[in-house]
Amino acid sequence: MKSLLHKDKKRRILYKNYEEKKYILNYFYNNLRLKKTVREKSYYKLISFPRNSSHTRARNRCVVTNRPRAVYKKFKFSRLVFRKLALQGDIPGIRKATW
């Protein structure tokens, strides 16, 4: 399980390193006023970046259990951990609904 966590961290670091470069190259590639050769060069640079530098490759994971599915973005907990902590009263402002 720790290997998956390390992979995810590496992906996030790669994304952070390449984010600005990708933004600039995408601007050049999508700008129709530039010459075609400039746009092609920017495209080839874009596709030469590592796959893991894409933000979609990063996965939301639970902080406690490292579970990849059913993670609430606001709390960064999986549904199982969230329920457990909420019932114990460890998350302020959260309680079981009654009506």
PDB file of N, CA and C in Angstrom:
ATOM      1  N   MET A   1       0.816  -1.205   0.000  1.00  0.00           N
ATOM      2  CA  MET A   1       0.000   0.000   0.000  1.00  0.00           C
ATOM      3  C   MET A   1       0.858   1.266   0.000  1.00  0.00           C
ATOM      4  N   LYS A   2       2.001   1.216   0.685  1.00  0.00           N
ATOM      5  CA  LYS A   2       2.841   2.404   0.740  1.00  0.00           C
ATOM      6  C   LYS A   2       3.423   2.738  -0.624  1.00  0.00           C
ATOM      7  N   SER A   3       3.634   1.708  -1.445  1.00  0.00           N
ATOM      8  CA  SER A   3       4.177   1.969  -2.777  1.00  0.00           C
ATOM      9  C   SER A   3       3.203   2.795  -3.604  1.00  0.00           C
ATOM     10  N   LEU A   4       1.902   2.554  -3.440  1.00  0.00           N
ATOM     11  CA  LEU A   4       0.901   3.344  -4.155  1.00  0.00           C
ATOM     12  C   LEU A   4       0.902   4.788  -3.685  1.00  0.00           C
ATOM     13  N   LEU A   5       1.118   4.971  -2.401  1.00  0.00           N
ATOM     14  CA  LEU A   5       1.184   6.324  -1.849  1.00  0.00           C
ATOM     15  C   LEU A   5       2.397   7.060  -2.418  1.00  0.00           C
ATOM     16  N   HIS A   6       3.533   6.372  -2.512  1.00  0.00           N
ATOM     17  CA  HIS A   6       4.741   6.990  -3.047  1.00  0.00           C
ATOM     18  C   HIS A   6       4.580   7.323  -4.531  1.00  0.00           C
ATOM     19  N   LYS A   7       3.939   6.441  -5.279  1.00  0.00           N
ATOM     20  CA  LYS A   7       3.670   6.708  -6.695  1.00  0.00           C
ATOM     21  C   LYS A   7       2.830   7.973  -6.848  1.00  0.00           C
ATOM     22  N   ASP A   8       1.805   8.071  -6.018  1.00  0.00           N
ATOM     23  CA  ASP A   8       0.916   9.219  -6.086  1.00  0.00           C
ATOM     24  C   ASP A   8       1.666  10.504  -5.740  1.00  0.00           C
ATOM     25  N   LYS A   9       2.534  10.449  -4.749  1.00  0.00           N
ATOM     26  CA  LYS A   9       3.320  11.630  -4.370  1.00  0.00           C
ATOM     27  C   LYS A   9       4.244  12.051  -5.501  1.00  0.00           C
ATOM     28  N   LYS A  10       4.871  11.066  -6.152  1.00  0.00           N
ATOM     29  CA  LYS A  10       5.746  11.373  -7.285  1.00  0.00           C
ATOM     30  C   LYS A  10       4.972  12.052  -8.405  1.00  0.00           C
ATOM     31  N   ARG A  11       3.768  11.546  -8.664  1.00  0.00           N
ATOM     32  CA  ARG A  11       2.937  12.129  -9.713  1.00  0.00           C
ATOM     33  C   ARG A  11       2.569  13.571  -9.388  1.00  0.00           C
ATOM     34  N   ARG A  12       2.261  13.832  -8.139  1.00  0.00           N
ATOM     35  CA  ARG A  12       1.903  15.193  -7.743  1.00  0.00           C
ATOM     36  C   ARG A  12       3.096  16.138  -7.864  1.00  0.00           C
ATOM     37  N   ILE A  13       4.277  15.648  -7.522  1.00  0.00           N
ATOM     38  CA  ILE A  13       5.489  16.467  -7.645  1.00  0.00           C
ATOM     39  C   ILE A  13       5.787  16.749  -9.117  1.00  0.00           C
ATOM     40  N   LEU A  14       5.671  15.720  -9.977  1.00  0.00           N
ATOM     41  CA  LEU A  14       5.895  15.913 -11.409  1.00  0.00           C
ATOM     42  C   LEU A  14       4.902  16.928 -11.981  1.00  0.00           C
ATOM     43  N   TYR A  15       3.658  16.809 -11.582  1.00  0.00           N
ATOM     44  CA  TYR A  15       2.643  17.744 -12.067  1.00  0.00           C
ATOM     45  C   TYR A  15       3.011  19.165 -11.666  1.00  0.00           C
ATOM     46  N   LYS A  16       3.444  19.336 -10.443  1.00  0.00           N
ATOM     47  CA  LYS A  16       3.804  20.657  -9.942  1.00  0.00           C
ATOM     48  C   LYS A  16       4.982  21.234 -10.732  1.00  0.00           C
ATOM     49  N   ASN A  17       5.953  20.384 -11.074  1.00  0.00           N
ATOM     50  CA  ASN A  17       7.137  20.849 -11.800  1.00  0.00           C
ATOM     51  C   ASN A  17       6.815  21.256 -13.236  1.00  0.00           C
ATOM     52  N   TYR A  18       5.906  20.557 -13.876  1.00  0.00           N
ATOM     53  CA  TYR A  18       5.620  20.795 -15.283  1.00  0.00           C
ATOM     54  C   TYR A  18       4.397  21.670 -15.530  1.00  0.00           C
ATOM     55  N   GLU A  19       3.697  22.048 -14.491  1.00  0.00           N
ATOM     56  CA  GLU A  19       2.427  22.753 -14.648  1.00  0.00           C
ATOM     57  C   GLU A  19       2.578  24.056 -15.439  1.00  0.00           C
ATOM     58  N   GLU A  20       3.522  24.880 -15.062  1.00  0.00           N
ATOM     59  CA  GLU A  20       3.681  26.180 -15.713  1.00  0.00           C
ATOM     60  C   GLU A  20       4.136  26.024 -17.166  1.00  0.00           C
ATOM     61  N   LYS A  21       5.059  25.113 -17.413  1.00  0.00           N
ATOM     62  CA  LYS A  21       5.556  24.872 -18.773  1.00  0.00           C
ATOM     63  C   LYS A  21       4.416  24.398 -19.673  1.00  0.00           C
ATOM     64  N   LYS A  22       3.598  23.489 -19.157  1.00  0.00           N
ATOM     65  CA  LYS A  22       2.472  22.980 -19.945  1.00  0.00           C
ATOM     66  C   LYS A  22       1.472  24.082 -20.258  1.00  0.00           C
ATOM     67  N   TYR A  23       1.238  24.945 -19.304  1.00  0.00           N
ATOM     68  CA  TYR A  23       0.285  26.039 -19.505  1.00  0.00           C
ATOM     69  C   TYR A  23       0.765  26.945 -20.638  1.00  0.00           C
ATOM     70  N   ILE A  24       2.044  27.285 -20.626  1.00  0.00           N
ATOM     71  CA  ILE A  24       2.608  28.164 -21.652  1.00  0.00           C
ATOM     72  C   ILE A  24       2.576  27.489 -23.020  1.00  0.00           C
ATOM     73  N   LEU A  25       3.007  26.233 -23.080  1.00  0.00           N
ATOM     74  CA  LEU A  25       3.032  25.530 -24.360  1.00  0.00           C
ATOM     75  C   LEU A  25       1.624  25.320 -24.914  1.00  0.00           C
ATOM     76  N   ASN A  26       0.661  25.075 -24.059  1.00  0.00           N
ATOM     77  CA  ASN A  26      -0.726  24.952 -24.507  1.00  0.00           C
ATOM     78  C   ASN A  26      -1.239  26.265 -25.082  1.00  0.00           C
ATOM     79  N   TYR A  27      -0.814  27.363 -24.490  1.00  0.00           N
ATOM     80  CA  TYR A  27      -1.208  28.666 -25.014  1.00  0.00           C
ATOM     81  C   TYR A  27      -0.661  28.844 -26.433  1.00  0.00           C
ATOM     82  N   PHE A  28       0.618  28.514 -26.628  1.00  0.00           N
ATOM     83  CA  PHE A  28       1.213  28.623 -27.964  1.00  0.00           C
ATOM     84  C   PHE A  28       0.517  27.694 -28.961  1.00  0.00           C
ATOM     85  N   TYR A  29       0.240  26.495 -28.533  1.00  0.00           N
ATOM     86  CA  TYR A  29      -0.372  25.511 -29.424  1.00  0.00           C
ATOM     87  C   TYR A  29      -1.786  25.913 -29.844  1.00  0.00           C
ATOM     88  N   ASN A  30      -2.536  26.493 -28.946  1.00  0.00           N
ATOM     89  CA  ASN A  30      -3.925  26.867 -29.233  1.00  0.00           C
ATOM     90  C   ASN A  30      -4.081  28.245 -29.857  1.00  0.00           C
ATOM     91  N   ASN A  31      -3.002  29.031 -29.892  1.00  0.00           N
ATOM     92  CA  ASN A  31      -3.063  30.363 -30.471  1.00  0.00           C
ATOM     93  C   ASN A  31      -2.973  30.255 -31.996  1.00  0.00           C
ATOM     94  N   LEU A  32      -4.060  30.526 -32.671  1.00  0.00           N
ATOM     95  CA  LEU A  32      -4.120  30.382 -34.129  1.00  0.00           C
ATOM     96  C   LEU A  32      -3.411  31.501 -34.878  1.00  0.00           C
ATOM     97  N   ARG A  33      -3.034  32.563 -34.198  1.00  0.00           N
ATOM     98  CA  ARG A  33      -2.345  33.678 -34.850  1.00  0.00           C
ATOM     99  C   ARG A  33      -0.865  33.390 -35.067  1.00  0.00           C
ATOM    100  N   LEU A  34      -0.322  32.424 -34.352  1.00  0.00           N
ATOM    101  CA  LEU A  34       1.093  32.078 -34.505  1.00  0.00           C
ATOM    102  C   LEU A  34       1.303  31.222 -35.742  1.00  0.00           C
ATOM    103  N   LYS A  35       2.565  31.169 -36.181  1.00  0.00           N
ATOM    104  CA  LYS A  35       2.894  30.346 -37.340  1.00  0.00           C
ATOM    105  C   LYS A  35       2.696  28.878 -37.015  1.00  0.00           C
ATOM    106  N   LYS A  36       2.462  28.128 -38.045  1.00  0.00           N
ATOM    107  CA  LYS A  36       2.204  26.699 -37.868  1.00  0.00           C
ATOM    108  C   LYS A  36       3.427  25.977 -37.317  1.00  0.00           C
ATOM    109  N   THR A  37       4.619  26.402 -37.712  1.00  0.00           N
ATOM    110  CA  THR A  37       5.842  25.744 -37.232  1.00  0.00           C
ATOM    111  C   THR A  37       6.019  25.929 -35.729  1.00  0.00           C
ATOM    112  N   VAL A  38       5.707  27.128 -35.250  1.00  0.00           N
ATOM    113  CA  VAL A  38       5.809  27.400 -33.810  1.00  0.00           C
ATOM    114  C   VAL A  38       4.811  26.546 -33.043  1.00  0.00           C
ATOM    115  N   ARG A  39       3.607  26.458 -33.579  1.00  0.00           N
ATOM    116  CA  ARG A  39       2.565  25.658 -32.928  1.00  0.00           C
ATOM    117  C   ARG A  39       2.945  24.182 -32.915  1.00  0.00           C
ATOM    118  N   GLU A  40       3.539  23.695 -34.005  1.00  0.00           N
ATOM    119  CA  GLU A  40       3.963  22.291 -34.061  1.00  0.00           C
ATOM    120  C   GLU A  40       5.072  22.000 -33.064  1.00  0.00           C
ATOM    121  N   LYS A  41       6.029  22.926 -32.956  1.00  0.00           N
ATOM    122  CA  LYS A  41       7.119  22.741 -31.993  1.00  0.00           C
ATOM    123  C   LYS A  41       6.584  22.664 -30.565  1.00  0.00           C
ATOM    124  N   SER A  42       5.628  23.536 -30.264  1.00  0.00           N
ATOM    125  CA  SER A  42       5.058  23.510 -28.915  1.00  0.00           C
ATOM    126  C   SER A  42       4.304  22.203 -28.674  1.00  0.00           C
ATOM    127  N   TYR A  43       3.644  21.702 -29.711  1.00  0.00           N
ATOM    128  CA  TYR A  43       2.924  20.432 -29.581  1.00  0.00           C
ATOM    129  C   TYR A  43       3.895  19.279 -29.310  1.00  0.00           C
ATOM    130  N   TYR A  44       4.988  19.234 -30.064  1.00  0.00           N
ATOM    131  CA  TYR A  44       5.953  18.144 -29.876  1.00  0.00           C
ATOM    132  C   TYR A  44       6.636  18.215 -28.516  1.00  0.00           C
ATOM    133  N   LYS A  45       6.836  19.420 -28.005  1.00  0.00           N
ATOM    134  CA  LYS A  45       7.373  19.544 -26.651  1.00  0.00           C
ATOM    135  C   LYS A  45       6.362  19.041 -25.627  1.00  0.00           C
ATOM    136  N   LEU A  46       5.093  19.362 -25.864  1.00  0.00           N
ATOM    137  CA  LEU A  46       4.041  18.926 -24.941  1.00  0.00           C
ATOM    138  C   LEU A  46       3.963  17.407 -24.856  1.00  0.00           C
ATOM    139  N   ILE A  47       4.027  16.741 -25.991  1.00  0.00           N
ATOM    140  CA  ILE A  47       3.897  15.286 -25.957  1.00  0.00           C
ATOM    141  C   ILE A  47       5.174  14.600 -25.493  1.00  0.00           C
ATOM    142  N   SER A  48       6.266  15.351 -25.388  1.00  0.00           N
ATOM    143  CA  SER A  48       7.511  14.749 -24.902  1.00  0.00           C
ATOM    144  C   SER A  48       7.584  14.731 -23.369  1.00  0.00           C
ATOM    145  N   PHE A  49       6.667  15.453 -22.711  1.00  0.00           N
ATOM    146  CA  PHE A  49       6.658  15.444 -21.246  1.00  0.00           C
ATOM    147  C   PHE A  49       6.254  14.067 -20.726  1.00  0.00           C
ATOM    148  N   PRO A  50       6.677  13.716 -19.510  1.00  0.00           N
ATOM    149  CA  PRO A  50       6.284  12.418 -18.951  1.00  0.00           C
ATOM    150  C   PRO A  50       4.773  12.304 -18.763  1.00  0.00           C
ATOM    151  N   ARG A  51       4.276  11.097 -18.887  1.00  0.00           N
ATOM    152  CA  ARG A  51       2.838  10.864 -18.721  1.00  0.00           C
ATOM    153  C   ARG A  51       2.350  11.252 -17.338  1.00  0.00           C
ATOM    154  N   ASN A  52       3.158  10.962 -16.352  1.00  0.00           N
ATOM    155  CA  ASN A  52       2.736  11.208 -14.972  1.00  0.00           C
ATOM    156  C   ASN A  52       2.751  12.683 -14.595  1.00  0.00           C
ATOM    157  N   SER A  53       3.122  13.548 -15.509  1.00  0.00           N
ATOM    158  CA  SER A  53       3.091  14.976 -15.212  1.00  0.00           C
ATOM    159  C   SER A  53       1.692  15.565 -15.434  1.00  0.00           C
ATOM    160  N   SER A  54       0.745  14.735 -15.809  1.00  0.00           N
ATOM    161  CA  SER A  54      -0.630  15.185 -15.998  1.00  0.00           C
ATOM    162  C   SER A  54      -1.373  15.180 -14.659  1.00  0.00           C
ATOM    163  N   HIS A  55      -2.204  16.187 -14.434  1.00  0.00           N
ATOM    164  CA  HIS A  55      -2.924  16.271 -13.157  1.00  0.00           C
ATOM    165  C   HIS A  55      -3.990  15.192 -13.035  1.00  0.00           C
ATOM    166  N   THR A  56      -4.426  14.619 -14.138  1.00  0.00           N
ATOM    167  CA  THR A  56      -5.457  13.591 -14.058  1.00  0.00           C
ATOM    168  C   THR A  56      -4.892  12.254 -13.586  1.00  0.00           C
ATOM    169  N   ARG A  57      -3.575  12.104 -13.585  1.00  0.00           N
ATOM    170  CA  ARG A  57      -2.977  10.853 -13.133  1.00  0.00           C
ATOM    171  C   ARG A  57      -2.908  10.771 -11.604  1.00  0.00           C
ATOM    172  N   ALA A  58      -2.991  11.911 -10.941  1.00  0.00           N
ATOM    173  CA  ALA A  58      -2.985  11.911  -9.473  1.00  0.00           C
ATOM    174  C   ALA A  58      -4.336  11.429  -8.973  1.00  0.00           C
ATOM    175  N   ARG A  59      -4.317  10.772  -7.842  1.00  0.00           N
ATOM    176  CA  ARG A  59      -5.529  10.160  -7.303  1.00  0.00           C
ATOM    177  C   ARG A  59      -5.805  10.694  -5.908  1.00  0.00           C
ATOM    178  N   ASN A  60      -7.056  11.035  -5.616  1.00  0.00           N
ATOM    179  CA  ASN A  60      -7.411  11.432  -4.254  1.00  0.00           C
ATOM    180  C   ASN A  60      -7.379  10.194  -3.370  1.00  0.00           C
ATOM    181  N   ARG A  61      -6.668  10.298  -2.268  1.00  0.00           N
ATOM    182  CA  ARG A  61      -6.539   9.172  -1.352  1.00  0.00           C
ATOM    183  C   ARG A  61      -6.852   9.619   0.076  1.00  0.00           C
ATOM    184  N   CYS A  62      -7.354   8.673   0.851  1.00  0.00           N
ATOM    185  CA  CYS A  62      -7.656   8.935   2.255  1.00  0.00           C
ATOM    186  C   CYS A  62      -6.345   9.176   3.008  1.00  0.00           C
ATOM    187  N   VAL A  63      -6.342  10.166   3.879  1.00  0.00           N
ATOM    188  CA  VAL A  63      -5.151  10.503   4.635  1.00  0.00           C
ATOM    189  C   VAL A  63      -4.816   9.408   5.648  1.00  0.00           C
ATOM    190  N   VAL A  64      -5.825   8.784   6.195  1.00  0.00           N
ATOM    191  CA  VAL A  64      -5.635   7.794   7.256  1.00  0.00           C
ATOM    192  C   VAL A  64      -5.335   6.407   6.695  1.00  0.00           C
ATOM    193  N   THR A  65      -6.192   5.921   5.789  1.00  0.00           N
ATOM    194  CA  THR A  65      -6.082   4.536   5.333  1.00  0.00           C
ATOM    195  C   THR A  65      -5.460   4.382   3.951  1.00  0.00           C
ATOM    196  N   ASN A  66      -5.249   5.495   3.240  1.00  0.00           N
ATOM    197  CA  ASN A  66      -4.698   5.469   1.880  1.00  0.00           C
ATOM    198  C   ASN A  66      -5.656   4.832   0.882  1.00  0.00           C
ATOM    199  N   ARG A  67      -6.933   4.769   1.211  1.00  0.00           N
ATOM    200  CA  ARG A  67      -7.938   4.181   0.332  1.00  0.00           C
ATOM    201  C   ARG A  67      -8.210   5.129  -0.835  1.00  0.00           C
ATOM    202  N   PRO A  68      -8.211   4.608  -2.096  1.00  0.00           N
ATOM    203  CA  PRO A  68      -8.364   5.490  -3.248  1.00  0.00           C
ATOM    204  C   PRO A  68      -9.807   5.820  -3.631  1.00  0.00           C
ATOM    205  N   ARG A  69     -10.769   5.087  -3.117  1.00  0.00           N
ATOM    206  CA  ARG A  69     -12.149   5.288  -3.550  1.00  0.00           C
ATOM    207  C   ARG A  69     -12.993   5.885  -2.443  1.00  0.00           C
ATOM    208  N   ALA A  70     -14.043   6.586  -2.849  1.00  0.00           N
ATOM    209  CA  ALA A  70     -15.013   7.194  -1.933  1.00  0.00           C
ATOM    210  C   ALA A  70     -14.330   8.120  -0.937  1.00  0.00           C
ATOM    211  N   VAL A  71     -13.533   9.050  -1.465  1.00  0.00           N
ATOM    212  CA  VAL A  71     -12.829  10.018  -0.622  1.00  0.00           C
ATOM    213  C   VAL A  71     -13.535  11.364  -0.738  1.00  0.00           C
ATOM    214  N   TYR A  72     -13.902  11.940   0.404  1.00  0.00           N
ATOM    215  CA  TYR A  72     -14.520  13.256   0.424  1.00  0.00           C
ATOM    216  C   TYR A  72     -13.427  14.308   0.310  1.00  0.00           C
ATOM    217  N   LYS A  73     -13.530  15.166  -0.701  1.00  0.00           N
ATOM    218  CA  LYS A  73     -12.488  16.167  -0.956  1.00  0.00           C
ATOM    219  C   LYS A  73     -12.322  17.129   0.215  1.00  0.00           C
ATOM    220  N   LYS A  74     -13.434  17.540   0.784  1.00  0.00           N
ATOM    221  CA  LYS A  74     -13.390  18.549   1.841  1.00  0.00           C
ATOM    222  C   LYS A  74     -12.627  18.061   3.078  1.00  0.00           C
ATOM    223  N   PHE A  75     -12.798  16.801   3.415  1.00  0.00           N
ATOM    224  CA  PHE A  75     -12.187  16.271   4.633  1.00  0.00           C
ATOM    225  C   PHE A  75     -10.951  15.418   4.372  1.00  0.00           C
ATOM    226  N   LYS A  76     -10.779  14.959   3.136  1.00  0.00           N
ATOM    227  CA  LYS A  76      -9.687  14.067   2.735  1.00  0.00           C
ATOM    228  C   LYS A  76      -9.718  12.741   3.492  1.00  0.00           C
ATOM    229  N   PHE A  77     -10.922  12.289   3.832  1.00  0.00           N
ATOM    230  CA  PHE A  77     -11.133  10.993   4.473  1.00  0.00           C
ATOM    231  C   PHE A  77     -11.985  10.130   3.559  1.00  0.00           C
ATOM    232  N   SER A  78     -11.783   8.812   3.645  1.00  0.00           N
ATOM    233  CA  SER A  78     -12.675   7.915   2.928  1.00  0.00           C
ATOM    234  C   SER A  78     -13.999   7.858   3.683  1.00  0.00           C
ATOM    235  N   ARG A  79     -15.016   7.322   3.039  1.00  0.00           N
ATOM    236  CA  ARG A  79     -16.339   7.297   3.664  1.00  0.00           C
ATOM    237  C   ARG A  79     -16.340   6.486   4.944  1.00  0.00           C
ATOM    238  N   LEU A  80     -15.512   5.438   4.997  1.00  0.00           N
ATOM    239  CA  LEU A  80     -15.464   4.581   6.185  1.00  0.00           C
ATOM    240  C   LEU A  80     -14.845   5.311   7.374  1.00  0.00           C
ATOM    241  N   VAL A  81     -13.727   5.964   7.145  1.00  0.00           N
ATOM    242  CA  VAL A  81     -13.050   6.702   8.218  1.00  0.00           C
ATOM    243  C   VAL A  81     -13.896   7.900   8.638  1.00  0.00           C
ATOM    244  N   PHE A  82     -14.502   8.557   7.645  1.00  0.00           N
ATOM    245  CA  PHE A  82     -15.345   9.712   7.946  1.00  0.00           C
ATOM    246  C   PHE A  82     -16.487   9.321   8.873  1.00  0.00           C
ATOM    247  N   ARG A  83     -17.151   8.211   8.569  1.00  0.00           N
ATOM    248  CA  ARG A  83     -18.275   7.757   9.386  1.00  0.00           C
ATOM    249  C   ARG A  83     -17.823   7.439  10.807  1.00  0.00           C
ATOM    250  N   LYS A  84     -16.689   6.756  10.897  1.00  0.00           N
ATOM    251  CA  LYS A  84     -16.160   6.374  12.209  1.00  0.00           C
ATOM    252  C   LYS A  84     -15.831   7.615  13.048  1.00  0.00           C
ATOM    253  N   LEU A  85     -15.134   8.577  12.447  1.00  0.00           N
ATOM    254  CA  LEU A  85     -14.754   9.786  13.179  1.00  0.00           C
ATOM    255  C   LEU A  85     -15.971  10.653  13.513  1.00  0.00           C
ATOM    256  N   ALA A  86     -16.942  10.692  12.606  1.00  0.00           N
ATOM    257  CA  ALA A  86     -18.142  11.495  12.852  1.00  0.00           C
ATOM    258  C   ALA A  86     -18.957  10.925  14.008  1.00  0.00           C
ATOM    259  N   LEU A  87     -19.089   9.607  14.054  1.00  0.00           N
ATOM    260  CA  LEU A  87     -19.843   8.987  15.141  1.00  0.00           C
ATOM    261  C   LEU A  87     -19.140   9.144  16.486  1.00  0.00           C
ATOM    262  N   GLN A  88     -17.818   9.189  16.456  1.00  0.00           N
ATOM    263  CA  GLN A  88     -17.063   9.398  17.698  1.00  0.00           C
ATOM    264  C   GLN A  88     -17.094  10.858  18.141  1.00  0.00           C
ATOM    265  N   GLY A  89     -17.455  11.750  17.224  1.00  0.00           N
ATOM    266  CA  GLY A  89     -17.503  13.178  17.543  1.00  0.00           C
ATOM    267  C   GLY A  89     -16.175  13.873  17.355  1.00  0.00           C
ATOM    268  N   ASP A  90     -15.279  13.292  16.573  1.00  0.00           N
ATOM    269  CA  ASP A  90     -13.951  13.876  16.369  1.00  0.00           C
ATOM    270  C   ASP A  90     -13.923  14.948  15.281  1.00  0.00           C
ATOM    271  N   ILE A  91     -14.969  15.028  14.472  1.00  0.00           N
ATOM    272  CA  ILE A  91     -15.034  16.050  13.433  1.00  0.00           C
ATOM    273  C   ILE A  91     -16.014  17.115  13.899  1.00  0.00           C
ATOM    274  N   PRO A  92     -15.531  18.331  14.163  1.00  0.00           N
ATOM    275  CA  PRO A  92     -16.426  19.370  14.677  1.00  0.00           C
ATOM    276  C   PRO A  92     -17.492  19.772  13.654  1.00  0.00           C
ATOM    277  N   GLY A  93     -18.720  19.938  14.132  1.00  0.00           N
ATOM    278  CA  GLY A  93     -19.815  20.376  13.280  1.00  0.00           C
ATOM    279  C   GLY A  93     -20.523  19.261  12.545  1.00  0.00           C
ATOM    280  N   ILE A  94     -20.088  18.037  12.704  1.00  0.00           N
ATOM    281  CA  ILE A  94     -20.694  16.882  12.022  1.00  0.00           C
ATOM    282  C   ILE A  94     -21.348  16.002  13.067  1.00  0.00           C
ATOM    283  N   ARG A  95     -22.618  15.671  12.823  1.00  0.00           N
ATOM    284  CA  ARG A  95     -23.310  14.713  13.701  1.00  0.00           C
ATOM    285  C   ARG A  95     -24.328  13.963  12.881  1.00  0.00           C
ATOM    286  N   LYS A  96     -24.778  12.871  13.397  1.00  0.00           N
ATOM    287  CA  LYS A  96     -25.731  12.027  12.694  1.00  0.00           C
ATOM    288  C   LYS A  96     -27.080  12.744  12.548  1.00  0.00           C
ATOM    289  N   ALA A  97     -27.652  12.652  11.361  1.00  0.00           N
ATOM    290  CA  ALA A  97     -28.906  13.350  11.098  1.00  0.00           C
ATOM    291  C   ALA A  97     -30.071  12.634  11.777  1.00  0.00           C
ATOM    292  N   THR A  98     -30.960  13.437  12.358  1.00  0.00           N
ATOM    293  CA  THR A  98     -32.193  12.881  12.931  1.00  0.00           C
ATOM    294  C   THR A  98     -33.332  13.800  12.542  1.00  0.00           C
ATOM    295  N   TRP A  99     -34.452  13.217  12.124  1.00  0.00           N
ATOM    296  CA  TRP A  99     -35.640  14.010  11.801  1.00  0.00           C
ATOM    297  C   TRP A  99     -36.880  13.215  11.959  1.00  0.00           C
TER     298      TRP A  99
END
